[in-house]
Structure formats: structure tokens, C-alpha cells
PDB file of N, CA and C in Angstrom:
ATOM      1  N   UNK A   1       3.926  16.648   4.656  1.00  0.00           N
ATOM      2  CA  UNK A   1       3.808  15.389   3.978  1.00  0.00           C
ATOM      3  C   UNK A   1       5.167  14.706   3.964  1.00  0.00           C
ATOM      4  N   UNK A   2       5.202  13.442   4.243  1.00  0.00           N
ATOM      5  CA  UNK A   2       6.433  12.682   4.217  1.00  0.00           C
ATOM      6  C   UNK A   2       6.791  12.304   2.794  1.00  0.00           C
ATOM      7  N   UNK A   3       8.042  12.510   2.444  1.00  0.00           N
ATOM      8  CA  UNK A   3       8.567  12.052   1.165  1.00  0.00           C
ATOM      9  C   UNK A   3       9.532  10.919   1.456  1.00  0.00           C
ATOM     10  N   UNK A   4       9.152   9.721   1.135  1.00  0.00           N
ATOM     11  CA  UNK A   4       9.968   8.569   1.422  1.00  0.00           C
ATOM     12  C   UNK A   4      10.348   7.884   0.130  1.00  0.00           C
ATOM     13  N   UNK A   5      11.496   7.242   0.125  1.00  0.00           N
ATOM     14  CA  UNK A   5      11.877   6.477  -1.048  1.00  0.00           C
ATOM     15  C   UNK A   5      11.035   5.219  -1.119  1.00  0.00           C
ATOM     16  N   UNK A   6      10.809   4.753  -2.326  1.00  0.00           N
ATOM     17  CA  UNK A   6       9.977   3.586  -2.546  1.00  0.00           C
ATOM     18  C   UNK A   6      10.829   2.324  -2.462  1.00  0.00           C
ATOM     19  N   UNK A   7      10.546   1.425  -1.503  1.00  0.00           N
ATOM     20  CA  UNK A   7      11.326   0.203  -1.387  1.00  0.00           C
ATOM     21  C   UNK A   7      11.046  -0.773  -2.524  1.00  0.00           C
ATOM     22  N   UNK A   8       9.989  -0.521  -3.294  1.00  0.00           N
ATOM     23  CA  UNK A   8       9.601  -1.392  -4.401  1.00  0.00           C
ATOM     24  C   UNK A   8       9.853  -0.684  -5.721  1.00  0.00           C
ATOM     25  N   UNK A   9      10.991  -0.005  -5.871  1.00  0.00           N
ATOM     26  CA  UNK A   9      11.209   0.833  -7.042  1.00  0.00           C
ATOM     27  C   UNK A   9      11.126   0.065  -8.355  1.00  0.00           C
ATOM     28  N   UNK A  10      11.405  -1.234  -8.365  1.00  0.00           N
ATOM     29  CA  UNK A  10      11.356  -1.999  -9.606  1.00  0.00           C
ATOM     30  C   UNK A  10      10.035  -2.743  -9.778  1.00  0.00           C
ATOM     31  N   UNK A  11       9.113  -2.625  -8.841  1.00  0.00           N
ATOM     32  CA  UNK A  11       7.833  -3.317  -8.941  1.00  0.00           C
ATOM     33  C   UNK A  11       6.702  -2.326  -8.780  1.00  0.00           C
ATOM     34  N   UNK A  12       5.493  -2.804  -8.956  1.00  0.00           N
ATOM     35  CA  UNK A  12       4.326  -1.961  -8.741  1.00  0.00           C
ATOM     36  C   UNK A  12       4.011  -1.863  -7.264  1.00  0.00           C
ATOM     37  N   UNK A  13       3.505  -0.709  -6.892  1.00  0.00           N
ATOM     38  CA  UNK A  13       3.084  -0.515  -5.519  1.00  0.00           C
ATOM     39  C   UNK A  13       1.654  -0.005  -5.500  1.00  0.00           C
ATOM     40  N   UNK A  14       1.029  -0.144  -4.354  1.00  0.00           N
ATOM     41  CA  UNK A  14      -0.380   0.198  -4.222  1.00  0.00           C
ATOM     42  C   UNK A  14      -0.658   1.661  -4.528  1.00  0.00           C
ATOM     43  N   UNK A  15       0.279   2.551  -4.258  1.00  0.00           N
ATOM     44  CA  UNK A  15       0.059   3.975  -4.518  1.00  0.00           C
ATOM     45  C   UNK A  15      -0.050   4.283  -6.006  1.00  0.00           C
ATOM     46  N   UNK A  16       0.413   3.380  -6.883  1.00  0.00           N
ATOM     47  CA  UNK A  16       0.362   3.593  -8.332  1.00  0.00           C
ATOM     48  C   UNK A  16      -0.879   2.981  -8.979  1.00  0.00           C
ATOM     49  N   UNK A  17      -1.648   2.221  -8.228  1.00  0.00           N
ATOM     50  CA  UNK A  17      -2.837   1.560  -8.767  1.00  0.00           C
ATOM     51  C   UNK A  17      -3.933   2.600  -9.013  1.00  0.00           C
ATOM     52  N   UNK A  18      -4.624   2.479 -10.142  1.00  0.00           N
ATOM     53  CA  UNK A  18      -5.670   3.431 -10.493  1.00  0.00           C
ATOM     54  C   UNK A  18      -6.972   3.128  -9.750  1.00  0.00           C
ATOM     55  N   UNK A  19      -7.797   4.156  -9.603  1.00  0.00           N
ATOM     56  CA  UNK A  19      -9.098   4.004  -8.954  1.00  0.00           C
ATOM     57  C   UNK A  19      -9.926   2.983  -9.723  1.00  0.00           C
ATOM     58  N   UNK A  20     -10.510   2.041  -8.985  1.00  0.00           N
ATOM     59  CA  UNK A  20     -11.336   0.997  -9.574  1.00  0.00           C
ATOM     60  C   UNK A  20     -10.565  -0.250  -9.939  1.00  0.00           C
ATOM     61  N   UNK A  21      -9.227  -0.194  -9.884  1.00  0.00           N
ATOM     62  CA  UNK A  21      -8.391  -1.352 -10.227  1.00  0.00           C
ATOM     63  C   UNK A  21      -8.153  -2.228  -9.004  1.00  0.00           C
ATOM     64  N   UNK A  22      -7.916  -3.500  -9.276  1.00  0.00           N
ATOM     65  CA  UNK A  22      -7.629  -4.467  -8.218  1.00  0.00           C
ATOM     66  C   UNK A  22      -6.277  -5.116  -8.469  1.00  0.00           C
ATOM     67  N   UNK A  23      -5.686  -5.638  -7.406  1.00  0.00           N
ATOM     68  CA  UNK A  23      -4.391  -6.320  -7.489  1.00  0.00           C
ATOM     69  C   UNK A  23      -4.271  -7.252  -6.295  1.00  0.00           C
ATOM     70  N   UNK A  24      -3.169  -7.973  -6.253  1.00  0.00           N
ATOM     71  CA  UNK A  24      -2.875  -8.870  -5.143  1.00  0.00           C
ATOM     72  C   UNK A  24      -1.642  -8.369  -4.406  1.00  0.00           C
ATOM     73  N   UNK A  25      -1.687  -8.384  -3.087  1.00  0.00           N
ATOM     74  CA  UNK A  25      -0.553  -7.954  -2.277  1.00  0.00           C
ATOM     75  C   UNK A  25       0.579  -8.977  -2.424  1.00  0.00           C
ATOM     76  N   UNK A  26       1.783  -8.456  -2.692  1.00  0.00           N
ATOM     77  CA  UNK A  26       2.970  -9.304  -2.795  1.00  0.00           C
ATOM     78  C   UNK A  26       3.759  -9.265  -1.484  1.00  0.00           C
ATOM     79  N   UNK A  27       3.980  -8.052  -0.964  1.00  0.00           N
ATOM     80  CA  UNK A  27       4.669  -7.914   0.311  1.00  0.00           C
ATOM     81  C   UNK A  27       4.502  -6.502   0.853  1.00  0.00           C
ATOM     82  N   UNK A  28       4.942  -6.300   2.079  1.00  0.00           N
ATOM     83  CA  UNK A  28       4.990  -4.973   2.689  1.00  0.00           C
ATOM     84  C   UNK A  28       6.425  -4.787   3.162  1.00  0.00           C
ATOM     85  N   UNK A  29       7.089  -3.750   2.641  1.00  0.00           N
ATOM     86  CA  UNK A  29       8.516  -3.560   2.935  1.00  0.00           C
ATOM     87  C   UNK A  29       8.766  -2.203   3.563  1.00  0.00           C
ATOM     88  N   UNK A  30       9.807  -2.118   4.358  1.00  0.00           N
ATOM     89  CA  UNK A  30      10.228  -0.884   5.009  1.00  0.00           C
ATOM     90  C   UNK A  30      11.047  -0.067   4.021  1.00  0.00           C
ATOM     91  N   UNK A  31      10.806   1.235   3.984  1.00  0.00           N
ATOM     92  CA  UNK A  31      11.591   2.130   3.158  1.00  0.00           C
ATOM     93  C   UNK A  31      12.935   2.396   3.820  1.00  0.00           C
ATOM     94  N   UNK A  32      13.984   2.555   3.014  1.00  0.00           N
ATOM     95  CA  UNK A  32      15.311   2.850   3.541  1.00  0.00           C
ATOM     96  C   UNK A  32      15.372   4.195   4.243  1.00  0.00           C
ATOM     97  N   UNK A  33      14.489   5.112   3.882  1.00  0.00           N
ATOM     98  CA  UNK A  33      14.540   6.447   4.463  1.00  0.00           C
ATOM     99  C   UNK A  33      13.824   6.540   5.813  1.00  0.00           C
ATOM    100  N   UNK A  34      13.217   5.448   6.247  1.00  0.00           N
ATOM    101  CA  UNK A  34      12.506   5.458   7.527  1.00  0.00           C
ATOM    102  C   UNK A  34      13.445   5.030   8.647  1.00  0.00           C
ATOM    103  N   UNK A  35      13.172   5.545   9.841  1.00  0.00           N
ATOM    104  CA  UNK A  35      13.892   5.051  11.011  1.00  0.00           C
ATOM    105  C   UNK A  35      13.482   3.590  11.193  1.00  0.00           C
ATOM    106  N   UNK A  36      14.428   2.720  11.520  1.00  0.00           N
ATOM    107  CA  UNK A  36      14.109   1.281  11.599  1.00  0.00           C
ATOM    108  C   UNK A  36      12.891   0.967  12.466  1.00  0.00           C
ATOM    109  N   UNK A  37      12.802   1.552  13.634  1.00  0.00           N
ATOM    110  CA  UNK A  37      11.676   1.233  14.516  1.00  0.00           C
ATOM    111  C   UNK A  37      10.357   1.755  13.951  1.00  0.00           C
ATOM    112  N   UNK A  38      10.387   2.959  13.350  1.00  0.00           N
ATOM    113  CA  UNK A  38       9.173   3.509  12.741  1.00  0.00           C
ATOM    114  C   UNK A  38       8.705   2.634  11.588  1.00  0.00           C
ATOM    115  N   UNK A  39       9.662   2.188  10.750  1.00  0.00           N
ATOM    116  CA  UNK A  39       9.318   1.343   9.622  1.00  0.00           C
ATOM    117  C   UNK A  39       8.730   0.015  10.054  1.00  0.00           C
ATOM    118  N   UNK A  40       9.310  -0.577  11.079  1.00  0.00           N
ATOM    119  CA  UNK A  40       8.799  -1.857  11.572  1.00  0.00           C
ATOM    120  C   UNK A  40       7.406  -1.700  12.151  1.00  0.00           C
ATOM    121  N   UNK A  41       7.182  -0.616  12.891  1.00  0.00           N
ATOM    122  CA  UNK A  41       5.846  -0.388  13.461  1.00  0.00           C
ATOM    123  C   UNK A  41       4.811  -0.195  12.361  1.00  0.00           C
ATOM    124  N   UNK A  42       5.161   0.561  11.325  1.00  0.00           N
ATOM    125  CA  UNK A  42       4.217   0.821  10.236  1.00  0.00           C
ATOM    126  C   UNK A  42       3.924  -0.444   9.429  1.00  0.00           C
ATOM    127  N   UNK A  43       4.961  -1.187   9.079  1.00  0.00           N
ATOM    128  CA  UNK A  43       4.718  -2.413   8.309  1.00  0.00           C
ATOM    129  C   UNK A  43       3.942  -3.432   9.135  1.00  0.00           C
ATOM    130  N   UNK A  44       4.204  -3.500  10.421  1.00  0.00           N
ATOM    131  CA  UNK A  44       3.454  -4.414  11.291  1.00  0.00           C
ATOM    132  C   UNK A  44       1.979  -4.015  11.322  1.00  0.00           C
ATOM    133  N   UNK A  45       1.713  -2.699  11.432  1.00  0.00           N
ATOM    134  CA  UNK A  45       0.330  -2.225  11.463  1.00  0.00           C
ATOM    135  C   UNK A  45      -0.383  -2.563  10.155  1.00  0.00           C
ATOM    136  N   UNK A  46       0.297  -2.343   9.021  1.00  0.00           N
ATOM    137  CA  UNK A  46      -0.320  -2.649   7.725  1.00  0.00           C
ATOM    138  C   UNK A  46      -0.631  -4.143   7.602  1.00  0.00           C
ATOM    139  N   UNK A  47       0.269  -4.985   8.074  1.00  0.00           N
ATOM    140  CA  UNK A  47       0.024  -6.426   8.019  1.00  0.00           C
ATOM    141  C   UNK A  47      -1.104  -6.831   8.956  1.00  0.00           C
ATOM    142  N   UNK A  48      -1.178  -6.197  10.127  1.00  0.00           N
ATOM    143  CA  UNK A  48      -2.234  -6.525  11.090  1.00  0.00           C
ATOM    144  C   UNK A  48      -3.620  -6.184  10.568  1.00  0.00           C
ATOM    145  N   UNK A  49      -3.730  -5.144   9.750  1.00  0.00           N
ATOM    146  CA  UNK A  49      -5.049  -4.785   9.235  1.00  0.00           C
ATOM    147  C   UNK A  49      -5.381  -5.535   7.955  1.00  0.00           C
ATOM    148  N   UNK A  50      -4.467  -6.397   7.479  1.00  0.00           N
ATOM    149  CA  UNK A  50      -4.819  -7.287   6.386  1.00  0.00           C
ATOM    150  C   UNK A  50      -3.977  -7.229   5.133  1.00  0.00           C
ATOM    151  N   UNK A  51      -2.989  -6.354   5.071  1.00  0.00           N
ATOM    152  CA  UNK A  51      -2.153  -6.256   3.874  1.00  0.00           C
ATOM    153  C   UNK A  51      -1.061  -7.336   3.939  1.00  0.00           C
ATOM    154  N   UNK A  52      -1.464  -8.557   3.653  1.00  0.00           N
ATOM    155  CA  UNK A  52      -0.550  -9.699   3.685  1.00  0.00           C
ATOM    156  C   UNK A  52      -0.509 -10.339   2.304  1.00  0.00           C
ATOM    157  N   UNK A  53       0.537 -11.070   2.039  1.00  0.00           N
ATOM    158  CA  UNK A  53       0.750 -11.696   0.728  1.00  0.00           C
ATOM    159  C   UNK A  53      -0.462 -12.543   0.336  1.00  0.00           C
ATOM    160  N   UNK A  54      -0.908 -12.327  -0.896  1.00  0.00           N
ATOM    161  CA  UNK A  54      -2.010 -13.104  -1.446  1.00  0.00           C
ATOM    162  C   UNK A  54      -3.376 -12.462  -1.326  1.00  0.00           C
ATOM    163  N   UNK A  55      -3.519 -11.423  -0.488  1.00  0.00           N
ATOM    164  CA  UNK A  55      -4.813 -10.742  -0.341  1.00  0.00           C
ATOM    165  C   UNK A  55      -5.081  -9.843  -1.544  1.00  0.00           C
ATOM    166  N   UNK A  56      -6.305  -9.814  -1.986  1.00  0.00           N
ATOM    167  CA  UNK A  56      -6.651  -8.904  -3.076  1.00  0.00           C
ATOM    168  C   UNK A  56      -7.031  -7.550  -2.503  1.00  0.00           C
ATOM    169  N   UNK A  57      -6.648  -6.491  -3.212  1.00  0.00           N
ATOM    170  CA  UNK A  57      -6.930  -5.119  -2.801  1.00  0.00           C
ATOM    171  C   UNK A  57      -7.552  -4.379  -3.981  1.00  0.00           C
ATOM    172  N   UNK A  58      -8.343  -3.364  -3.670  1.00  0.00           N
ATOM    173  CA  UNK A  58      -8.965  -2.548  -4.706  1.00  0.00           C
ATOM    174  C   UNK A  58      -8.951  -1.097  -4.265  1.00  0.00           C
ATOM    175  N   UNK A  59      -8.592  -0.215  -5.189  1.00  0.00           N
ATOM    176  CA  UNK A  59      -8.616   1.222  -4.895  1.00  0.00           C
ATOM    177  C   UNK A  59     -10.031   1.727  -5.151  1.00  0.00           C
ATOM    178  N   UNK A  60     -10.667   2.291  -4.129  1.00  0.00           N
ATOM    179  CA  UNK A  60     -12.028   2.778  -4.245  1.00  0.00           C
ATOM    180  C   UNK A  60     -12.100   4.253  -4.606  1.00  0.00           C
ATOM    181  N   UNK A  61     -11.190   5.043  -4.054  1.00  0.00           N
ATOM    182  CA  UNK A  61     -11.276   6.491  -4.229  1.00  0.00           C
ATOM    183  C   UNK A  61      -9.956   7.131  -3.806  1.00  0.00           C
ATOM    184  N   UNK A  62      -9.678   8.278  -4.407  1.00  0.00           N
ATOM    185  CA  UNK A  62      -8.527   9.079  -3.990  1.00  0.00           C
ATOM    186  C   UNK A  62      -9.020  10.469  -3.593  1.00  0.00           C
ATOM    187  N   UNK A  63      -8.358  11.060  -2.645  1.00  0.00           N
ATOM    188  CA  UNK A  63      -8.698  12.401  -2.211  1.00  0.00           C
ATOM    189  C   UNK A  63      -8.422  13.411  -3.315  1.00  0.00           C
ATOM    190  N   UNK A  64      -9.027  14.575  -3.212  1.00  0.00           N
ATOM    191  CA  UNK A  64      -8.908  15.592  -4.257  1.00  0.00           C
ATOM    192  C   UNK A  64      -7.560  16.303  -4.268  1.00  0.00           C
ATOM    193  N   UNK A  65      -6.971  16.490  -3.113  1.00  0.00           N
ATOM    194  CA  UNK A  65      -5.726  17.248  -3.029  1.00  0.00           C
ATOM    195  C   UNK A  65      -4.545  16.307  -2.857  1.00  0.00           C
ATOM    196  N   UNK A  66      -3.744  16.168  -3.901  1.00  0.00           N
ATOM    197  CA  UNK A  66      -2.591  15.287  -3.854  1.00  0.00           C
ATOM    198  C   UNK A  66      -2.931  13.817  -3.885  1.00  0.00           C
ATOM    199  N   UNK A  67      -4.180  13.486  -4.112  1.00  0.00           N
ATOM    200  CA  UNK A  67      -4.577  12.075  -4.198  1.00  0.00           C
ATOM    201  C   UNK A  67      -4.614  11.375  -2.861  1.00  0.00           C
ATOM    202  N   UNK A  68      -4.630  12.132  -1.777  1.00  0.00           N
ATOM    203  CA  UNK A  68      -4.682  11.551  -0.442  1.00  0.00           C
ATOM    204  C   UNK A  68      -5.938  11.978   0.286  1.00  0.00           C
ATOM    205  N   UNK A  69      -6.441  11.117   1.135  1.00  0.00           N
ATOM    206  CA  UNK A  69      -6.030   9.745   1.348  1.00  0.00           C
ATOM    207  C   UNK A  69      -6.534   8.840   0.225  1.00  0.00           C
ATOM    208  N   UNK A  70      -6.046   7.613   0.215  1.00  0.00           N
ATOM    209  CA  UNK A  70      -6.473   6.606  -0.747  1.00  0.00           C
ATOM    210  C   UNK A  70      -7.404   5.646  -0.006  1.00  0.00           C
ATOM    211  N   UNK A  71      -8.633   5.491  -0.504  1.00  0.00           N
ATOM    212  CA  UNK A  71      -9.568   4.530   0.093  1.00  0.00           C
ATOM    213  C   UNK A  71      -9.310   3.169  -0.544  1.00  0.00           C
ATOM    214  N   UNK A  72      -8.963   2.195   0.278  1.00  0.00           N
ATOM    215  CA  UNK A  72      -8.568   0.871  -0.193  1.00  0.00           C
ATOM    216  C   UNK A  72      -9.485  -0.182   0.423  1.00  0.00           C
ATOM    217  N   UNK A  73      -9.999  -1.065  -0.410  1.00  0.00           N
ATOM    218  CA  UNK A  73     -10.816  -2.182   0.088  1.00  0.00           C
ATOM    219  C   UNK A  73      -9.933  -3.421   0.106  1.00  0.00           C
ATOM    220  N   UNK A  74      -9.855  -4.048   1.265  1.00  0.00           N
ATOM    221  CA  UNK A  74      -9.143  -5.317   1.393  1.00  0.00           C
ATOM    222  C   UNK A  74     -10.055  -6.240   2.174  1.00  0.00           C
ATOM    223  N   UNK A  75     -10.407  -7.347   1.564  1.00  0.00           N
ATOM    224  CA  UNK A  75     -11.406  -8.238   2.165  1.00  0.00           C
ATOM    225  C   UNK A  75     -12.727  -7.511   2.244  1.00  0.00           C
ATOM    226  N   UNK A  76     -13.341  -7.512   3.404  1.00  0.00           N
ATOM    227  CA  UNK A  76     -14.617  -6.831   3.604  1.00  0.00           C
ATOM    228  C   UNK A  76     -14.438  -5.475   4.284  1.00  0.00           C
ATOM    229  N   UNK A  77     -13.206  -5.034   4.434  1.00  0.00           N
ATOM    230  CA  UNK A  77     -12.914  -3.790   5.144  1.00  0.00           C
ATOM    231  C   UNK A  77     -12.381  -2.724   4.204  1.00  0.00           C
ATOM    232  N   UNK A  78     -12.614  -1.465   4.579  1.00  0.00           N
ATOM    233  CA  UNK A  78     -12.114  -0.327   3.818  1.00  0.00           C
ATOM    234  C   UNK A  78     -11.222   0.510   4.731  1.00  0.00           C
ATOM    235  N   UNK A  79     -10.055   0.897   4.204  1.00  0.00           N
ATOM    236  CA  UNK A  79      -9.106   1.690   4.974  1.00  0.00           C
ATOM    237  C   UNK A  79      -8.690   2.916   4.167  1.00  0.00           C
ATOM    238  N   UNK A  80      -8.302   3.956   4.868  1.00  0.00           N
ATOM    239  CA  UNK A  80      -7.733   5.146   4.236  1.00  0.00           C
ATOM    240  C   UNK A  80      -6.235   5.136   4.494  1.00  0.00           C
ATOM    241  N   UNK A  81      -5.464   5.178   3.411  1.00  0.00           N
ATOM    242  CA  UNK A  81      -4.004   5.186   3.516  1.00  0.00           C
ATOM    243  C   UNK A  81      -3.450   6.462   2.929  1.00  0.00           C
ATOM    244  N   UNK A  82      -2.328   6.917   3.479  1.00  0.00           N
ATOM    245  CA  UNK A  82      -1.588   8.000   2.861  1.00  0.00           C
ATOM    246  C   UNK A  82      -0.724   7.414   1.747  1.00  0.00           C
ATOM    247  N   UNK A  83      -0.281   8.263   0.817  1.00  0.00           N
ATOM    248  CA  UNK A  83       0.511   7.778  -0.316  1.00  0.00           C
ATOM    249  C   UNK A  83       1.781   7.054   0.135  1.00  0.00           C
ATOM    250  N   UNK A  84       2.474   7.588   1.144  1.00  0.00           N
ATOM    251  CA  UNK A  84       3.721   6.931   1.553  1.00  0.00           C
ATOM    252  C   UNK A  84       3.457   5.569   2.175  1.00  0.00           C
ATOM    253  N   UNK A  85       2.297   5.392   2.803  1.00  0.00           N
ATOM    254  CA  UNK A  85       1.956   4.075   3.342  1.00  0.00           C
ATOM    255  C   UNK A  85       1.660   3.099   2.209  1.00  0.00           C
ATOM    256  N   UNK A  86       0.885   3.551   1.216  1.00  0.00           N
ATOM    257  CA  UNK A  86       0.550   2.695   0.076  1.00  0.00           C
ATOM    258  C   UNK A  86       1.801   2.327  -0.724  1.00  0.00           C
ATOM    259  N   UNK A  87       2.812   3.201  -0.732  1.00  0.00           N
ATOM    260  CA  UNK A  87       4.048   2.927  -1.465  1.00  0.00           C
ATOM    261  C   UNK A  87       4.862   1.800  -0.832  1.00  0.00           C
ATOM    262  N   UNK A  88       4.557   1.444   0.386  1.00  0.00           N
ATOM    263  CA  UNK A  88       5.263   0.342   1.057  1.00  0.00           C
ATOM    264  C   UNK A  88       4.690  -1.018   0.697  1.00  0.00           C
ATOM    265  N   UNK A  89       3.527  -1.030   0.029  1.00  0.00           N
ATOM    266  CA  UNK A  89       2.819  -2.278  -0.266  1.00  0.00           C
ATOM    267  C   UNK A  89       3.066  -2.671  -1.721  1.00  0.00           C
ATOM    268  N   UNK A  90       3.815  -3.739  -1.920  1.00  0.00           N
ATOM    269  CA  UNK A  90       4.071  -4.257  -3.262  1.00  0.00           C
ATOM    270  C   UNK A  90       2.871  -5.043  -3.748  1.00  0.00           C
ATOM    271  N   UNK A  91       2.531  -4.864  -5.035  1.00  0.00           N
ATOM    272  CA  UNK A  91       1.363  -5.547  -5.597  1.00  0.00           C
ATOM    273  C   UNK A  91       1.725  -6.217  -6.915  1.00  0.00           C
ATOM    274  N   UNK A  92       0.858  -7.119  -7.327  1.00  0.00           N
ATOM    275  CA  UNK A  92       0.962  -7.770  -8.631  1.00  0.00           C
ATOM    276  C   UNK A  92      -0.451  -7.864  -9.191  1.00  0.00           C
ATOM    277  N   UNK A  93      -0.584  -7.990 -10.507  1.00  0.00           N
ATOM    278  CA  UNK A  93      -1.921  -8.168 -11.073  1.00  0.00           C
ATOM    279  C   UNK A  93      -2.612  -9.375 -10.439  1.00  0.00           C
ATOM    280  N   UNK A  94      -3.927  -9.341 -10.365  1.00  0.00           N
ATOM    281  CA  UNK A  94      -4.676 -10.424  -9.738  1.00  0.00           C
ATOM    282  C   UNK A  94      -4.308 -11.765 -10.350  1.00  0.00           C
ATOM    283  N   UNK A  95      -4.130 -12.766  -9.491  1.00  0.00           N
ATOM    284  CA  UNK A  95      -3.851 -14.119  -9.938  1.00  0.00           C
ATOM    285  C   UNK A  95      -2.402 -14.426 -10.200  1.00  0.00           C
ATOM    286  N   UNK A  96      -1.491 -13.444 -10.034  1.00  0.00           N
ATOM    287  CA  UNK A  96      -0.077 -13.674 -10.321  1.00  0.00           C
ATOM    288  C   UNK A  96       0.767 -13.807  -9.058  1.00  0.00           C
ATOM    289  N   UNK A  97       0.382 -13.193  -7.956  1.00  0.00           N
ATOM    290  CA  UNK A  97       1.209 -13.179  -6.736  1.00  0.00           C
ATOM    291  C   UNK A  97       1.464 -14.540  -6.155  1.00  0.00           C
TER     292      UNK A  97
END
């Protein structure tokens, strides 16, 4: 399992959202502990699948062991994210972003 520092240490991130809760995406940021190219590829992938500023997200389910993967609904699609991926996504309560 990857242990990465949280680039949103002073804000809420998707990995901290409780099951059944919704929020709005604020941004997707690269962690300082990632290799620059790896971080850019990961953040680009997250943005391509819909994690862009202003989109609403909802946590549907968490896995039994370590809370992974996290089932996330964004728009009409559902994705499974690992905790370190969800930690890259900054969120705000709905209607505030």
C-alpha cells in the first residue's frame, strides 16, 4: 500500500468523506511524495474520468479491509478509488466550491 502525504492537509479530501455523504470537488493536486511524472499522470487520469472543480461526488461504499477500495459516484458513473488516490481530491460541502 502506498503511503503518500496529503497535498490538502489543511482542507477536506475525498478519502475523509463518510459513506453516504456528498461533496463538491474543489481540485485535484499532486502529492509532494510522488514522482512528478507519476503525480501528473494520476491527476490527469482523475480529471479525465470526471473529478473536476464543481462536480458533485458521493461515497457509496468502502471496502472491508482498510476501507479500500472506495466506491465513488460522480455524475452518472461509479469508480473505485484507492485511499491515496482519494486523498489527492480536495472537496468542499455541497454548494460551497
